[in-house]
Protein backbone atom coordinates (compact mmCIF):
# COMPACT_ATOMS: atom_id res chain seq x y z
CA MET A 1 7.40 -1.21 -26.54
CA THR A 2 4.27 -2.95 -25.38
CA ILE A 3 0.83 -0.34 -25.61
CA ILE A 4 -1.76 -1.26 -23.49
CA GLU A 5 -5.21 0.60 -24.33
CA HIS A 6 -6.75 0.86 -20.75
CA GLY A 7 -10.69 1.29 -19.75
CA SER A 8 -11.10 -0.78 -23.27
CA LEU A 9 -11.61 -3.67 -20.95
CA GLY A 10 -15.27 -2.88 -19.51
CA THR A 11 -16.31 -6.41 -19.38
CA LEU A 12 -13.68 -7.29 -16.60
CA PRO A 13 -16.03 -8.87 -14.31
CA ALA A 14 -16.10 -7.23 -10.64
CA PRO A 15 -14.76 -9.51 -7.78
CA SER A 16 -17.20 -11.72 -5.86
CA VAL A 17 -16.67 -11.51 -2.43
CA THR A 18 -19.90 -12.55 -0.62
CA THR A 19 -18.39 -15.43 1.09
CA GLY A 20 -14.29 -14.56 0.40
CA ILE A 21 -11.78 -12.36 1.84
CA VAL A 22 -10.75 -8.87 0.51
CA ASP A 23 -6.67 -9.06 1.12
CA ALA A 24 -5.18 -5.34 0.69
CA ASP A 25 -1.67 -6.38 0.63
CA ILE A 26 -0.14 -8.90 -2.41
CA HIS A 27 3.43 -8.28 -3.58
CA PRO A 28 3.91 -9.25 -7.29
CA VAL A 29 7.71 -9.25 -8.30
CA PRO A 30 8.35 -8.79 -11.96
CA GLN A 31 11.21 -11.24 -13.24
CA ASP A 32 14.24 -10.04 -14.68
CA GLY A 33 13.33 -8.38 -17.86
CA ALA A 34 9.72 -8.52 -17.53
CA LEU A 35 9.26 -4.97 -17.97
CA GLU A 36 11.37 -4.51 -20.91
CA PRO A 37 8.26 -4.62 -23.11
CA TYR A 38 6.57 -1.75 -21.61
CA LEU A 39 9.87 -0.01 -21.53
CA ASP A 40 11.26 2.31 -24.44
CA ASP A 41 14.74 2.05 -25.83
CA ARG A 42 16.17 4.83 -23.80
CA TRP A 43 15.04 3.65 -20.41
CA LYS A 44 16.00 -0.04 -21.10
CA LYS A 45 19.61 1.45 -22.09
CA HIS A 46 19.63 3.65 -18.94
CA ILE A 47 18.75 0.48 -16.46
CA ARG A 48 21.24 -1.50 -17.83
CA GLU A 49 24.26 0.91 -17.92
CA TYR A 50 23.63 3.04 -15.01
CA GLY A 51 21.15 0.89 -12.60
CA VAL A 52 18.22 2.69 -11.02
CA ARG A 53 19.28 5.11 -8.04
CA THR A 54 16.60 5.86 -5.43
CA THR A 55 15.78 7.57 -2.32
CA THR A 56 17.90 5.16 -0.17
CA GLY A 57 21.28 6.74 -2.14
CA LEU A 58 21.94 2.99 -2.82
CA GLN A 59 20.78 0.73 -5.59
CA PHE A 60 20.71 -3.13 -5.53
CA ILE A 61 20.79 -3.62 -1.51
CA SER A 62 18.26 -2.02 1.19
CA GLU A 63 18.72 0.16 3.74
CA TYR A 64 19.68 -2.38 6.21
CA PRO A 65 21.24 -5.88 4.25
CA GLN A 66 19.16 -7.99 6.81
CA MET A 67 16.93 -8.17 3.63
CA TYR A 68 17.98 -11.37 2.51
CA GLY A 69 16.36 -12.73 -0.35
CA GLY A 70 13.95 -10.21 -0.25
CA ALA A 71 12.50 -11.06 2.87
CA MET A 72 10.51 -13.76 0.73
CA ARG A 73 8.43 -17.14 2.32
CA ALA A 74 11.26 -20.12 1.47
CA ASP A 75 8.11 -21.91 -0.54
CA ALA A 76 7.39 -19.30 -2.21
CA TRP A 77 9.98 -19.58 -4.85
CA PRO A 78 9.06 -20.94 -7.99
CA GLU A 79 11.70 -23.35 -10.30
CA SER A 80 12.55 -19.74 -11.69
CA GLY A 81 12.32 -16.06 -11.07
CA TYR A 82 11.19 -14.48 -7.40
CA PRO A 83 8.46 -15.19 -5.20
CA GLY A 84 5.15 -13.08 -6.39
CA SER A 85 6.59 -13.20 -10.33
CA ASP A 86 4.69 -16.29 -11.02
CA ARG A 87 0.82 -16.59 -11.76
CA GLU A 88 0.17 -19.91 -10.85
CA LEU A 89 1.75 -20.30 -7.70
CA LEU A 90 0.14 -17.00 -6.53
CA ARG A 91 -3.04 -18.70 -7.52
CA THR A 92 -2.02 -22.17 -5.82
CA GLN A 93 -0.80 -20.90 -2.44
CA LEU A 94 -3.33 -17.89 -1.85
CA LEU A 95 -6.10 -16.90 -3.35
CA ASP A 96 -7.49 -20.62 -4.14
CA LYS A 97 -6.10 -22.12 -0.43
CA HIS A 98 -7.48 -19.06 1.10
CA ASN A 99 -10.50 -17.80 -0.55
CA ILE A 100 -9.30 -14.57 -1.38
CA GLN A 101 -11.77 -12.99 -3.94
CA LEU A 102 -9.98 -9.89 -4.11
CA GLY A 103 -6.43 -9.64 -4.01
CA VAL A 104 -4.84 -6.01 -3.87
CA LEU A 105 -1.26 -5.55 -5.82
CA GLN A 106 1.00 -4.06 -4.24
CA CYS A 107 4.12 -4.04 -6.57
CA LEU A 108 7.46 -2.84 -4.80
CA ALA A 109 9.91 -4.47 -6.11
CA PRO A 110 9.64 -3.50 -10.45
CA GLY A 111 11.70 -5.73 -12.59
CA GLY A 112 14.18 -6.94 -9.64
CA GLN A 113 16.18 -3.53 -9.68
CA THR A 114 15.42 -2.58 -6.09
CA LEU A 115 13.67 -3.21 -3.05
CA ASN A 116 12.09 0.16 -3.38
CA PRO A 117 8.81 1.14 -5.61
CA ALA A 118 9.14 2.65 -9.12
CA GLY A 119 8.18 5.98 -7.75
CA GLN A 120 11.34 6.52 -5.76
CA ALA A 121 13.82 6.59 -8.30
CA LEU A 122 15.39 9.79 -7.96
CA ASN A 123 15.69 10.56 -11.83
CA GLN A 124 11.78 10.67 -11.50
CA GLU A 125 11.54 10.55 -15.56
CA LEU A 126 13.22 6.99 -15.08
CA ALA A 127 10.70 6.75 -12.46
CA ALA A 128 7.68 7.60 -14.49
CA ALA A 129 8.66 5.50 -16.77
CA LEU A 130 8.78 2.37 -14.29
CA CYS A 131 5.56 3.42 -12.75
CA ARG A 132 4.07 3.11 -16.47
CA ALA A 133 5.59 -0.20 -17.37
CA THR A 134 4.65 -1.72 -13.30
CA ASN A 135 1.21 -0.60 -13.71
CA ASP A 136 0.82 -2.52 -17.26
CA TRP A 137 2.55 -5.25 -16.32
CA GLN A 138 0.72 -6.22 -13.44
CA LEU A 139 -2.57 -5.23 -15.37
CA GLU A 140 -1.85 -7.69 -18.43
CA HIS A 141 0.06 -10.36 -16.74
CA LEU A 142 -2.10 -10.65 -13.33
CA VAL A 143 -5.08 -8.99 -13.06
CA TYR A 144 -6.84 -9.59 -16.57
CA PRO A 145 -6.03 -13.24 -16.67
CA ASP A 146 -7.15 -13.68 -13.19
CA PRO A 147 -10.02 -10.98 -12.12
CA ARG A 148 -9.95 -11.77 -8.49
CA MET A 149 -6.69 -9.52 -8.39
CA ARG A 150 -7.15 -6.02 -9.08
CA ALA A 151 -3.97 -3.28 -8.83
CA ALA A 152 -3.04 -0.62 -6.89
CA ILE A 153 -0.96 1.49 -9.13
CA PRO A 154 2.51 3.12 -8.02
CA VAL A 155 3.13 6.83 -9.23
CA THR A 156 5.62 9.67 -8.67
CA PHE A 157 4.69 11.65 -5.30
CA GLU A 158 7.85 13.42 -5.48
CA THR A 159 6.51 14.66 -9.44
CA PRO A 160 2.88 15.04 -9.09
CA ASP A 161 2.25 16.24 -12.65
CA TYR A 162 3.93 12.85 -13.46
CA ALA A 163 1.63 11.13 -11.00
CA VAL A 164 -1.84 12.80 -11.94
CA ALA A 165 -0.86 12.04 -15.61
CA GLU A 166 -0.61 8.29 -14.86
CA ILE A 167 -3.60 8.32 -12.60
CA GLU A 168 -5.49 10.13 -15.69
CA ARG A 169 -3.72 7.37 -17.95
CA VAL A 170 -4.58 4.26 -16.21
CA GLY A 171 -6.89 5.37 -13.49
CA ALA A 172 -10.64 4.48 -15.03
CA ASP A 173 -9.28 0.83 -16.00
CA PRO A 174 -11.90 -1.61 -14.29
CA GLY A 175 -8.46 -3.53 -13.16
CA VAL A 176 -7.62 -0.88 -11.07
CA VAL A 177 -9.13 0.04 -7.44
CA ALA A 178 -6.53 2.27 -5.68
CA VAL A 179 -3.29 4.68 -6.09
CA LEU A 180 0.05 3.15 -4.14
CA GLY A 181 2.14 5.45 -2.60
CA THR A 182 5.00 5.22 0.21
CA SER A 183 5.29 5.76 4.09
CA LYS A 184 8.44 7.55 4.02
CA THR A 185 8.11 10.61 1.22
CA LEU A 186 10.35 13.53 0.97
CA GLU A 187 7.62 15.91 2.66
CA PRO A 188 4.59 15.30 5.04
CA LEU A 189 2.03 14.03 3.05
CA GLY A 190 -0.36 17.11 4.24
CA SER A 191 1.91 18.91 2.29
CA ARG A 192 0.39 21.16 -0.47
CA LYS A 193 2.52 19.52 -3.08
CA TYR A 194 0.71 16.18 -2.77
CA TRP A 195 -2.38 17.49 -3.33
CA PRO A 196 -2.94 17.68 -7.14
CA ILE A 197 -2.33 14.16 -6.50
CA TYR A 198 -5.41 13.40 -3.82
CA GLU A 199 -7.38 15.59 -6.54
CA ALA A 200 -6.53 13.35 -9.26
CA SER A 201 -7.71 10.14 -7.24
CA VAL A 202 -10.70 11.89 -5.71
CA ALA A 203 -11.55 12.59 -9.86
CA GLN A 204 -11.22 8.43 -10.52
CA ASN A 205 -12.92 7.62 -7.47
CA LEU A 206 -9.88 5.75 -6.38
CA PRO A 207 -8.73 5.62 -2.80
CA ILE A 208 -5.02 5.39 -1.89
CA GLN A 209 -2.92 3.08 0.17
CA PHE A 210 0.61 4.17 1.44
CA HIS A 211 2.58 1.14 2.28
CA LEU A 212 5.53 1.13 4.64
CA SER A 213 9.13 1.69 3.15
CA GLN A 214 12.20 2.51 3.17
CA GLY A 215 13.95 5.29 1.41
CA GLY A 216 12.14 8.81 1.50
CA GLY A 217 15.87 10.85 1.30
CA HIS A 218 15.72 11.03 5.45
CA ALA A 219 17.15 9.24 7.86
CA ASN A 220 15.05 6.26 9.18
CA THR A 221 13.88 8.29 12.54
CA GLY A 222 13.60 11.93 13.86
CA THR A 223 16.95 11.57 15.35
CA GLY A 224 19.27 10.37 12.72
CA TRP A 225 20.28 6.76 11.64
CA THR A 226 19.66 3.34 14.08
CA SER A 227 22.47 1.27 14.82
CA TYR A 228 20.85 -1.97 15.25
CA HIS A 229 18.00 -3.92 13.05
CA THR A 230 15.83 -4.71 15.44
CA GLU A 231 15.74 -0.78 16.57
CA TYR A 232 15.63 -0.25 12.73
CA HIS A 233 12.39 -2.78 12.39
CA THR A 234 10.92 -1.57 16.09
CA GLY A 235 10.61 2.05 14.98
CA HIS A 236 9.31 1.41 11.59
CA VAL A 237 6.15 2.55 12.05
CA GLN A 238 7.01 6.20 13.52
CA SER A 239 6.46 7.18 9.27
CA PHE A 240 3.06 6.18 9.46
CA GLN A 241 2.50 8.39 12.79
CA SER A 242 4.06 11.48 11.49
CA GLN A 243 2.10 10.75 8.37
CA LEU A 244 -1.22 10.52 10.07
CA LEU A 245 -0.84 13.85 11.71
CA SER A 246 -0.01 15.66 8.89
CA LEU A 247 -3.14 14.33 6.75
CA VAL A 248 -5.50 15.43 9.67
CA LEU A 249 -4.31 18.83 10.67
CA SER A 250 -2.73 20.05 7.53
CA GLY A 251 -6.91 20.06 6.51
CA THR A 252 -6.34 17.78 3.86
CA PHE A 253 -9.30 16.10 4.42
CA ASP A 254 -11.48 19.24 4.67
CA ARG A 255 -9.89 20.33 1.20
CA PHE A 256 -10.89 16.10 -0.32
CA PRO A 257 -13.93 15.49 2.18
CA THR A 258 -14.04 11.94 -0.17
CA LEU A 259 -10.69 11.31 -0.06
CA LYS A 260 -9.51 7.42 1.52
CA VAL A 261 -6.33 6.45 2.77
CA MET A 262 -4.87 3.03 4.23
CA PHE A 263 -1.63 2.89 6.26
CA VAL A 264 -0.57 -0.29 4.82
CA GLU A 265 2.25 -3.36 6.91
CA GLY A 266 2.18 -1.08 9.85
CA ASN A 267 0.26 -2.75 12.51
CA VAL A 268 -2.89 -0.85 14.01
CA ALA A 269 -2.70 -1.00 17.67
CA HIS A 270 0.15 1.92 18.01
CA PHE A 271 -2.04 4.18 16.42
CA ALA A 272 -4.53 4.46 19.49
CA PRO A 273 -2.74 6.37 22.28
CA LEU A 274 -1.28 8.57 19.07
CA ILE A 275 -4.80 9.92 18.34
CA GLN A 276 -6.18 10.50 22.19
CA ARG A 277 -3.11 12.56 22.14
CA MET A 278 -3.42 14.13 19.27
CA ASP A 279 -7.07 15.26 20.27
CA TYR A 280 -5.92 16.41 23.54
CA THR A 281 -3.19 18.56 22.18
CA TRP A 282 -5.60 20.08 19.41
CA GLU A 283 -8.03 21.07 22.05
CA THR A 284 -5.14 22.64 24.12
CA LEU A 285 -3.57 24.20 21.15
CA ARG A 286 -6.79 24.61 18.92
CA GLY A 287 -5.65 28.22 18.14
CA GLU A 288 -3.25 27.30 15.56
CA LEU A 289 -5.57 25.56 13.78
CA PRO A 290 -8.84 27.41 13.65
CA ASP A 291 -9.83 26.09 10.27
CA LEU A 292 -9.91 22.23 11.20
CA GLN A 293 -13.72 21.87 11.15
CA ARG A 294 -13.84 18.75 13.57
CA LYS A 295 -11.99 16.90 16.38
CA PRO A 296 -8.67 15.06 14.78
CA SER A 297 -10.14 11.49 15.97
CA GLU A 298 -13.77 12.47 14.01
CA TYR A 299 -11.74 12.34 10.62
CA ILE A 300 -10.59 8.76 11.43
CA ARG A 301 -13.62 7.12 10.72
CA ASP A 302 -14.13 8.46 7.35
CA HIS A 303 -10.92 8.96 5.67
CA ILE A 304 -8.23 6.61 7.31
CA TRP A 305 -8.13 2.81 7.11
CA ALA A 306 -5.20 0.24 8.44
CA SER A 307 -4.19 -3.24 7.47
CA THR A 308 -4.08 -5.35 9.72
CA GLN A 309 -0.35 -7.25 8.84
CA PRO A 310 1.87 -7.61 10.92
CA ILE A 311 -1.18 -8.51 13.40
CA ASP A 312 -0.65 -7.14 16.64
CA GLU A 313 -0.24 -9.59 19.39
CA PRO A 314 -0.75 -8.54 23.01
CA GLU A 315 0.01 -10.48 25.84
CA LYS A 316 -3.67 -11.32 26.29
CA PRO A 317 -5.02 -12.36 23.35
CA GLU A 318 -8.53 -10.74 23.82
CA HIS A 319 -7.01 -7.14 24.02
CA LEU A 320 -6.53 -7.35 20.66
CA ALA A 321 -10.26 -7.00 19.64
CA GLU A 322 -10.10 -3.81 21.90
CA LEU A 323 -7.21 -2.14 20.29
CA LEU A 324 -8.72 -2.66 16.64
CA GLU A 325 -11.66 -1.10 18.25
CA GLU A 326 -9.90 1.74 20.00
CA PHE A 327 -8.45 2.91 16.22
CA CYS A 328 -11.83 2.25 14.63
CA GLY A 329 -12.90 -1.32 14.06
CA ASP A 330 -14.59 -0.28 10.91
CA ASN A 331 -11.29 0.55 9.10
CA VAL A 332 -9.59 -2.26 9.99
CA VAL A 333 -8.35 -4.55 6.70
CA PHE A 334 -7.03 -8.11 6.42
CA ALA A 335 -3.61 -8.05 4.52
CA THR A 336 -1.83 -11.59 4.09
CA ASP A 337 1.31 -9.54 2.64
CA TYR A 338 2.14 -12.94 0.52
CA PRO A 339 4.95 -13.61 -0.53
CA HIS A 340 6.79 -12.70 2.32
CA PHE A 341 8.04 -14.69 5.38
CA ASP A 342 5.61 -12.78 7.91
CA PHE A 343 2.51 -13.82 5.76
CA ASP A 344 -0.55 -13.98 7.70
CA ASP A 345 -3.09 -16.54 7.20
CA PRO A 346 -6.54 -15.65 7.57
CA GLU A 347 -7.68 -19.35 9.30
CA THR A 348 -4.95 -18.58 12.64
CA ALA A 349 -4.07 -15.06 12.50
CA PHE A 350 -6.99 -14.23 15.02
CA PRO A 351 -7.19 -15.44 18.54
CA ARG A 352 -10.08 -18.01 19.25
CA SER A 353 -11.41 -14.97 21.78
CA PHE A 354 -11.90 -12.60 18.77
CA PRO A 355 -15.35 -11.84 18.35
CA VAL A 356 -16.62 -13.25 15.20
CA ASP A 357 -18.50 -10.06 13.74
CA LEU A 358 -15.57 -7.82 13.97
CA ARG A 359 -13.24 -10.82 12.05
CA ASP A 360 -15.48 -10.69 9.77
CA LYS A 361 -15.36 -7.27 8.70
CA ILE A 362 -11.92 -7.10 8.82
CA LEU A 363 -11.67 -10.02 6.33
CA ARG A 364 -14.39 -8.68 4.15
CA GLY A 365 -16.62 -6.17 4.69
CA ASN A 366 -14.40 -3.23 5.76
CA GLY A 367 -12.32 -3.81 2.61
CA MET A 368 -15.54 -3.79 0.13
CA ARG A 369 -16.05 -0.26 1.80
CA PHE A 370 -12.72 0.86 1.27
CA PHE A 371 -12.08 -0.16 -2.16
CA GLY A 372 -15.85 0.74 -3.38
CA VAL A 373 -16.53 -3.14 -4.05
CA THR A 374 -20.54 -4.14 -4.01
CA ASN A 375 -21.45 -7.41 -2.61
CA GLN A 376 -22.25 -9.38 -5.15
CA ALA A 377 -25.30 -11.51 -3.38
CA ASP A 378 -27.12 -7.31 -3.41
């Protein structure tokens, strides 16, 4: 088993983002067998003989079988392997072409075993082993060779002690800029169960990204399973809305005043009316939450970010800026979602009427603040 000495590469240069773009959501995919050098013999044998069962209750297919080809761009397939597995193709199609100077990796398909994150394996010992292997693989094969890339490290959210151990093991590595979780968890994210993970993340000065996900061990809506893919896809963001409510109203941000979280790949505009309604309901029922120190919407600016992809497309393009500002214009971060088919090109994602200063903040400045990156020109 390959052992990576983390924290020993202190000379890894900080990404230069003076004129470049911050991309909050890039999906690397290890080739088949790529994680084996980072797994001990027990888990290699286990995966070979039994596979990896996840919180979808499935193994090799997603909740909806329409995920043909992993929802990848046709031109992103290398000569061999999966999109996102070839470092040179990733550089050519994304980093070089679009001037990505900080690209944050969200590895959601470890070893091609499943379309679910490593941390969602029902066998949590296996989940922890897959998280360790995934993190070592992406650092050694992507981040260290090209410092424009940085890693968000998947951890086992349903077993916080394993998650804390992984954050402490690798969180100080200069190639790591965030902790990675998923939008669908067994309990709402404000649950005290997850607080040790937040404490460990804050201790390492790492924000947390929650990526839109399948699984979670529950039906994909509050009323059961959907009948149609269109129904499923449209309602996917319900999980983010529930998690935002839970994190704010549970007092999580009062307990961890420096914690920052980002909801990734779930649009932005739908949060605005939710936040307004949350404020109204809190004002009406505030006797139930006497310890909440501020109006719910006031927590957003300090603690909650959202990525653009898939970017909202209102009927009147000029309304896009208004919708993003309704959420919080300073907390929206650009994401390409490479190499998925609904990739957002930074040159064409924003309408012509979009304010230049807001566009620049979304493409660069807001992401720098979230990930704690300094401007190399300063």
